[in-house]
Amino acid sequence: MLPGTALDRLRERHDVLVWEGELPPSREALVGLVRDAEGLLALLTDRIDPELMDAAPKLRAVSNYAVGFDNIDVAGATARGIAIGNTPDALTDATAELTLALLMARARGIVEGDAFVRSGAWRTWSPTAFLGAGLTGATMAVIGPGRIGTAVADRARGLRMRVLVQGRQDSREHLRAVLAESDVVSLHCPLTPETALLIDGRTLAWMKPGAILINTSRGGLVDLDAVADALDAGRLGGAALDTMDPEPVPLGHRILSTPRVTVTPHIGSGTAAARAAMADAAVDNLLLALDGERMRFPVNTVAGRANASSTPVPPSTSSTDRPI
């Protein structure tokens, strides 16, 4: 189920089948569910690929309950005349707020301090205990200056941080210079073939010694083993990760036992207001597309359809956060 009342609006107009399982449907179950579907409200955990679309000959619209859409073969959908939409704007503030929360938690060792108190190890105040990194005057690199990246930059400036930006048009040389100068690196670009494993052993070596890495975008941007190596070697000061690849990250993965890492379970959009607004946007997309109109937030352009955007978005980019 989705937060809010958006599904009620969808039920008023169409027959709606909702997956009630706690975990996402299996591949076989999902293929079976979409066989007669004309519209699909998908989560990031649902892989919408040619096999699935071919199994759903009536499918006309897919509305992704997310700002990203790397789970969807957009080019394949466009070729089949299937309209694709997403839910930007609704989660911008929530994700920006979590980014700053993760940064503060990592910079000041809040999670470790909480565990220290609860363990009974705290005996007295000490001038040298739990010394963290100050943020006032520090430099933050925002990688991907879309809606969320810009919102993070605005908040960082409010903390009197200096902000450097790496955008889609900037070169790798520019990225290297930005990483070398930044005390904090915050990722806000979509996952595309160009940005996959953007943060790997090579780019981690470019980063300023002791820097903190924050990822509230896509897990596939970061090589977790390379981050663990950089932390073990003392080159990286810390990491705070809301998204990882794979998700959920296996309990035995070394990133979970590496010191100076803070992890959260993909909760960037996790406020009641944001998740309800996402549901409203996703349902609006479906209602419009099934009426033959342009989606509220279109990702692709479907030739010959009234719901096609007059300003097409290339399949490999996001309408929210652009790749570098």
Protein backbone atom coordinates (compact mmCIF):
# COMPACT_ATOMS: atom_id res chain seq x y z
CA MET A 1 0.00 0.00 0.00
CA LEU A 2 1.02 3.61 -0.53
CA PRO A 3 0.74 6.43 2.03
CA GLY A 4 -2.13 8.88 1.65
CA THR A 5 -5.34 8.58 -0.36
CA ALA A 6 -3.96 8.57 -3.92
CA LEU A 7 -4.92 4.95 -4.58
CA ASP A 8 -8.53 5.77 -3.69
CA ARG A 9 -8.58 8.27 -6.56
CA LEU A 10 -7.22 5.61 -8.89
CA ARG A 11 -9.85 3.10 -7.74
CA GLU A 12 -12.63 5.58 -8.51
CA ARG A 13 -11.68 5.48 -12.19
CA HIS A 14 -10.11 2.08 -12.80
CA ASP A 15 -9.94 -1.50 -11.57
CA VAL A 16 -6.89 -1.64 -9.31
CA LEU A 17 -4.86 -4.66 -8.21
CA VAL A 18 -2.45 -3.97 -5.32
CA TRP A 19 0.43 -6.23 -4.35
CA GLU A 20 -0.03 -6.76 -0.60
CA GLY A 21 3.18 -8.62 0.17
CA GLU A 22 5.75 -7.22 2.59
CA LEU A 23 8.51 -7.99 0.08
CA PRO A 24 8.39 -7.04 -3.62
CA PRO A 25 6.75 -9.59 -5.92
CA SER A 26 8.97 -12.22 -7.44
CA ARG A 27 9.79 -11.89 -11.11
CA GLU A 28 7.30 -14.61 -11.99
CA ALA A 29 4.59 -12.99 -9.89
CA LEU A 30 5.15 -9.57 -11.40
CA VAL A 31 5.00 -10.91 -14.95
CA GLY A 32 1.74 -12.66 -14.13
CA LEU A 33 0.24 -9.56 -12.52
CA VAL A 34 0.84 -7.29 -15.53
CA ARG A 35 -0.48 -9.58 -18.27
CA ASP A 36 -3.77 -7.71 -18.60
CA ALA A 37 -2.64 -4.36 -17.17
CA GLU A 38 -2.98 -1.10 -19.09
CA GLY A 39 -1.19 0.92 -16.42
CA LEU A 40 1.47 0.05 -13.87
CA LEU A 41 2.51 1.96 -10.77
CA ALA A 42 6.01 0.61 -10.17
CA LEU A 43 8.57 0.83 -7.38
CA LEU A 44 12.33 1.00 -7.87
CA THR A 45 12.45 -2.67 -6.91
CA ASP A 46 10.39 -3.57 -10.00
CA ARG A 47 12.49 -4.21 -13.10
CA ILE A 48 10.57 -3.01 -16.14
CA ASP A 49 12.48 -4.56 -19.03
CA PRO A 50 11.58 -5.88 -22.50
CA GLU A 51 10.61 -9.29 -21.12
CA LEU A 52 8.09 -7.75 -18.75
CA MET A 53 6.71 -5.32 -21.32
CA ASP A 54 6.32 -8.08 -23.90
CA ALA A 55 4.35 -10.05 -21.30
CA ALA A 56 1.95 -7.11 -20.93
CA PRO A 57 0.58 -6.43 -24.44
CA LYS A 58 -2.05 -4.00 -23.15
CA LEU A 59 0.39 -1.89 -21.15
CA ARG A 60 0.19 1.80 -22.08
CA ALA A 61 1.71 3.59 -19.09
CA VAL A 62 4.23 3.03 -16.28
CA SER A 63 4.41 5.51 -13.43
CA ASN A 64 7.50 5.05 -11.25
CA TYR A 65 7.06 5.79 -7.55
CA ALA A 66 10.47 7.48 -7.45
CA VAL A 67 12.41 10.31 -8.98
CA GLY A 68 14.90 7.90 -10.55
CA PHE A 69 13.96 5.42 -13.25
CA ASP A 70 17.06 3.29 -13.80
CA ASN A 71 14.83 0.24 -13.14
CA ILE A 72 13.00 0.93 -16.42
CA ASP A 73 14.15 0.33 -19.99
CA VAL A 74 12.92 3.72 -21.18
CA ALA A 75 14.08 3.23 -24.76
CA GLY A 76 12.29 -0.12 -24.91
CA ALA A 77 9.13 1.40 -23.50
CA THR A 78 9.24 4.28 -25.97
CA ALA A 79 9.62 1.85 -28.87
CA ARG A 80 6.52 0.00 -27.64
CA GLY A 81 4.50 3.20 -27.23
CA ILE A 82 4.46 2.97 -23.43
CA ALA A 83 4.49 6.29 -21.58
CA ILE A 84 6.85 6.55 -18.59
CA GLY A 85 6.54 8.99 -15.70
CA ASN A 86 8.26 9.64 -12.37
CA THR A 87 7.73 11.68 -9.19
CA PRO A 88 10.20 14.57 -8.96
CA ASP A 89 9.71 17.58 -6.63
CA ALA A 90 7.79 15.59 -4.01
CA LEU A 91 10.89 14.20 -2.32
CA THR A 92 13.37 17.05 -2.83
CA ASP A 93 13.20 18.58 0.64
CA ALA A 94 13.00 15.24 2.45
CA THR A 95 16.09 13.87 0.69
CA ALA A 96 18.04 17.10 1.14
CA GLU A 97 17.23 17.06 4.85
CA LEU A 98 18.40 13.47 5.23
CA THR A 99 21.61 14.30 3.38
CA LEU A 100 22.45 16.99 5.94
CA ALA A 101 21.38 14.72 8.79
CA LEU A 102 23.72 11.98 7.58
CA LEU A 103 26.54 14.48 7.15
CA MET A 104 26.15 15.79 10.70
CA ALA A 105 25.80 12.29 12.13
CA ARG A 106 28.97 11.14 10.38
CA ALA A 107 31.02 14.29 11.02
CA ARG A 108 30.27 14.21 14.75
CA GLY A 109 30.12 10.45 15.35
CA ILE A 110 26.57 10.62 16.67
CA VAL A 111 25.73 6.96 16.01
CA GLU A 112 28.91 5.81 17.74
CA GLY A 113 28.32 8.18 20.64
CA ASP A 114 24.80 6.86 21.14
CA ALA A 115 26.06 3.27 21.14
CA PHE A 116 28.85 4.23 23.59
CA VAL A 117 26.34 5.62 26.10
CA ARG A 118 23.97 2.66 25.76
CA SER A 119 26.80 0.16 26.24
CA GLY A 120 27.59 1.54 29.70
CA ALA A 121 31.13 2.47 28.67
CA TRP A 122 30.65 6.19 29.39
CA ARG A 123 32.39 7.01 32.68
CA THR A 124 33.19 10.71 32.53
CA TRP A 125 33.53 13.71 30.25
CA SER A 126 36.85 13.85 28.40
CA PRO A 127 38.44 16.66 26.35
CA THR A 128 39.59 14.17 23.74
CA ALA A 129 36.59 11.85 23.46
CA PHE A 130 34.60 11.65 20.22
CA LEU A 131 36.35 14.50 18.45
CA GLY A 132 34.56 15.09 15.17
CA ALA A 133 34.90 17.31 12.12
CA GLY A 134 33.47 20.83 12.10
CA LEU A 135 31.37 21.90 9.14
CA THR A 136 31.51 25.70 9.40
CA GLY A 137 33.90 26.87 6.70
CA ALA A 138 34.29 23.37 5.24
CA THR A 139 33.97 22.77 1.50
CA MET A 140 31.23 20.53 0.09
CA ALA A 141 31.20 19.07 -3.41
CA VAL A 142 27.69 18.58 -4.81
CA ILE A 143 27.91 16.03 -7.61
CA GLY A 144 24.76 16.49 -9.69
CA PRO A 145 23.16 19.97 -9.40
CA GLY A 146 19.55 18.96 -10.02
CA ARG A 147 16.62 19.65 -7.71
CA ILE A 148 17.97 17.65 -4.78
CA GLY A 149 21.60 18.66 -5.26
CA THR A 150 20.61 22.32 -5.39
CA ALA A 151 18.49 21.95 -2.24
CA VAL A 152 21.45 20.35 -0.45
CA ALA A 153 23.76 23.13 -1.62
CA ASP A 154 21.36 25.78 -0.30
CA ARG A 155 21.25 24.11 3.10
CA ALA A 156 25.02 23.68 3.21
CA ARG A 157 25.51 27.38 2.53
CA GLY A 158 23.15 28.04 5.43
CA LEU A 159 25.69 26.22 7.60
CA ARG A 160 28.34 28.57 6.20
CA MET A 161 29.91 25.85 4.10
CA ARG A 162 31.57 26.58 0.78
CA VAL A 163 29.93 24.67 -2.07
CA LEU A 164 31.54 23.40 -5.28
CA VAL A 165 29.40 21.87 -8.02
CA GLN A 166 30.10 19.17 -10.58
CA GLY A 167 27.48 19.24 -13.32
CA ARG A 168 26.73 17.25 -16.43
CA GLN A 169 28.75 19.49 -18.69
CA ASP A 170 31.84 19.59 -16.46
CA SER A 171 34.90 17.56 -17.42
CA ARG A 172 36.59 14.73 -15.54
CA GLU A 173 39.45 17.14 -14.91
CA HIS A 174 36.97 19.45 -13.20
CA LEU A 175 35.67 16.52 -11.13
CA ARG A 176 39.20 15.64 -10.06
CA ALA A 177 39.85 19.23 -8.96
CA VAL A 178 36.53 19.41 -7.08
CA LEU A 179 37.17 16.14 -5.26
CA ALA A 180 40.69 17.19 -4.30
CA GLU A 181 39.43 20.40 -2.70
CA SER A 182 36.34 19.16 -0.85
CA ASP A 183 35.95 18.10 2.76
CA VAL A 184 32.55 16.57 1.96
CA VAL A 185 31.43 14.91 -1.28
CA SER A 186 27.66 14.50 -1.68
CA LEU A 187 26.23 12.48 -4.60
CA HIS A 188 23.00 13.58 -6.30
CA CYS A 189 23.18 12.30 -9.88
CA PRO A 190 21.08 9.49 -11.38
CA LEU A 191 22.43 6.06 -12.16
CA THR A 192 23.28 5.85 -15.86
CA PRO A 193 25.96 4.01 -17.84
CA GLU A 194 28.05 7.18 -17.53
CA THR A 195 27.73 7.48 -13.74
CA ALA A 196 27.83 3.80 -12.73
CA LEU A 197 30.62 3.31 -10.16
CA LEU A 198 31.45 6.99 -10.35
CA ILE A 199 33.09 6.64 -6.95
CA ASP A 200 35.63 3.86 -7.30
CA GLY A 201 39.27 3.32 -6.37
CA ARG A 202 40.48 5.91 -8.84
CA THR A 203 38.12 8.74 -7.89
CA LEU A 204 38.49 7.96 -4.18
CA ALA A 205 42.23 8.50 -4.64
CA TRP A 206 41.42 11.96 -6.04
CA MET A 207 39.53 12.94 -2.90
CA LYS A 208 41.00 15.13 -0.20
CA PRO A 209 42.48 13.01 2.61
CA GLY A 210 40.00 12.72 5.46
CA ALA A 211 36.99 13.73 3.35
CA ILE A 212 33.48 12.42 4.06
CA LEU A 213 31.43 10.73 1.32
CA ILE A 214 27.62 11.01 1.37
CA ASN A 215 25.32 9.07 -0.97
CA THR A 216 21.56 9.64 -0.94
CA SER A 217 21.18 9.10 -4.69
CA ARG A 218 21.73 5.63 -6.20
CA GLY A 219 23.71 2.77 -4.72
CA GLY A 220 25.24 1.86 -8.08
CA LEU A 221 27.21 5.12 -8.09
CA VAL A 222 29.57 3.77 -5.42
CA ASP A 223 31.95 0.82 -5.27
CA LEU A 224 31.41 -0.27 -1.66
CA ASP A 225 34.57 -2.38 -1.53
CA ALA A 226 36.65 0.55 -2.76
CA VAL A 227 35.09 2.77 -0.07
CA ALA A 228 35.93 0.18 2.59
CA ASP A 229 39.50 -0.01 1.26
CA ALA A 230 39.85 3.78 1.42
CA LEU A 231 38.52 3.87 4.97
CA ASP A 232 40.78 1.03 6.10
CA ALA A 233 43.77 2.82 4.57
CA GLY A 234 42.88 6.07 6.32
CA ARG A 235 42.46 8.01 3.07
CA LEU A 236 38.72 8.56 3.57
CA GLY A 237 37.50 10.16 6.75
CA GLY A 238 34.04 8.63 6.73
CA ALA A 239 31.05 7.59 4.66
CA ALA A 240 27.30 7.95 5.15
CA LEU A 241 25.20 5.88 2.78
CA ASP A 242 21.43 5.82 2.39
CA THR A 243 21.64 3.82 -0.84
CA MET A 244 23.84 0.85 -1.63
CA ASP A 245 24.21 -1.81 -4.27
CA PRO A 246 22.87 -4.37 -3.66
CA GLU A 247 19.89 -3.43 -1.50
CA PRO A 248 19.50 -4.60 1.12
CA VAL A 249 23.24 -4.89 1.57
CA PRO A 250 24.11 -8.42 2.85
CA LEU A 251 24.79 -8.55 6.59
CA GLY A 252 28.19 -10.08 5.92
CA HIS A 253 29.32 -7.27 3.62
CA ARG A 254 32.50 -5.65 4.89
CA ILE A 255 31.06 -2.12 4.55
CA LEU A 256 28.86 -2.87 7.59
CA SER A 257 31.84 -3.72 9.78
CA THR A 258 34.13 -0.95 8.53
CA PRO A 259 34.63 1.86 11.08
CA ARG A 260 33.41 5.40 10.34
CA VAL A 261 30.48 4.27 8.16
CA THR A 262 26.87 5.30 8.83
CA VAL A 263 24.15 3.50 6.87
CA THR A 264 20.39 3.96 6.59
CA PRO A 265 17.85 1.80 4.68
CA HIS A 266 17.09 4.01 1.64
CA ILE A 267 14.94 6.52 3.54
CA GLY A 268 15.81 9.70 1.65
CA SER A 269 12.16 10.33 0.80
CA GLY A 270 10.98 8.88 4.10
CA THR A 271 8.66 11.48 5.51
CA ALA A 272 4.90 10.97 5.60
CA ALA A 273 4.33 14.14 3.59
CA ALA A 274 6.90 13.29 0.91
CA ARG A 275 5.75 9.71 0.41
CA ALA A 276 2.09 10.79 0.17
CA ALA A 277 3.01 13.50 -2.35
CA MET A 278 4.92 10.90 -4.38
CA ALA A 279 1.82 8.69 -4.41
CA ASP A 280 -0.30 11.61 -5.62
CA ALA A 281 2.16 12.39 -8.42
CA ALA A 282 2.40 8.72 -9.47
CA VAL A 283 -1.37 8.34 -9.59
CA ASP A 284 -1.77 11.64 -11.46
CA ASN A 285 0.66 10.31 -14.06
CA LEU A 286 -1.37 7.14 -14.55
CA LEU A 287 -4.76 8.84 -14.65
CA LEU A 288 -3.59 11.31 -17.29
CA ALA A 289 -1.83 8.70 -19.43
CA LEU A 290 -4.78 6.31 -19.36
CA ASP A 291 -6.96 9.20 -20.53
CA GLY A 292 -4.59 9.66 -23.46
CA GLU A 293 -3.10 12.87 -22.07
CA ARG A 294 0.41 14.01 -21.24
CA MET A 295 1.66 12.75 -17.88
CA ARG A 296 2.18 15.28 -15.13
CA PHE A 297 5.85 14.26 -14.93
CA PRO A 298 6.78 12.56 -18.24
CA VAL A 299 10.11 10.84 -18.69
CA ASN A 300 9.79 9.87 -22.35
CA THR A 301 8.03 11.01 -25.49
CA VAL A 302 5.69 8.53 -27.11
CA ALA A 303 5.15 9.36 -30.77
CA GLY A 304 1.60 10.09 -31.83
CA ARG A 305 0.25 10.35 -28.30
CA ALA A 306 -1.33 13.31 -26.59
CA ASN A 307 0.58 12.51 -23.40
CA ALA A 308 3.95 13.01 -25.07
CA SER A 309 6.02 15.90 -23.77
CA SER A 310 6.83 18.69 -26.18
CA THR A 311 10.33 18.77 -24.67
CA PRO A 312 11.56 15.18 -24.75
CA VAL A 313 13.87 13.92 -22.01
CA PRO A 314 16.54 11.56 -23.37
CA PRO A 315 16.17 8.07 -21.92
CA SER A 316 19.62 8.13 -20.31
CA THR A 317 19.00 11.25 -18.23
CA SER A 318 16.74 12.23 -15.36
CA SER A 319 14.35 15.12 -15.39
CA THR A 320 15.51 15.84 -11.85
CA ASP A 321 19.22 15.25 -11.32
CA ARG A 322 21.50 15.19 -14.35
CA PRO A 323 24.50 12.90 -14.74
CA ILE A 324 27.96 14.35 -14.70
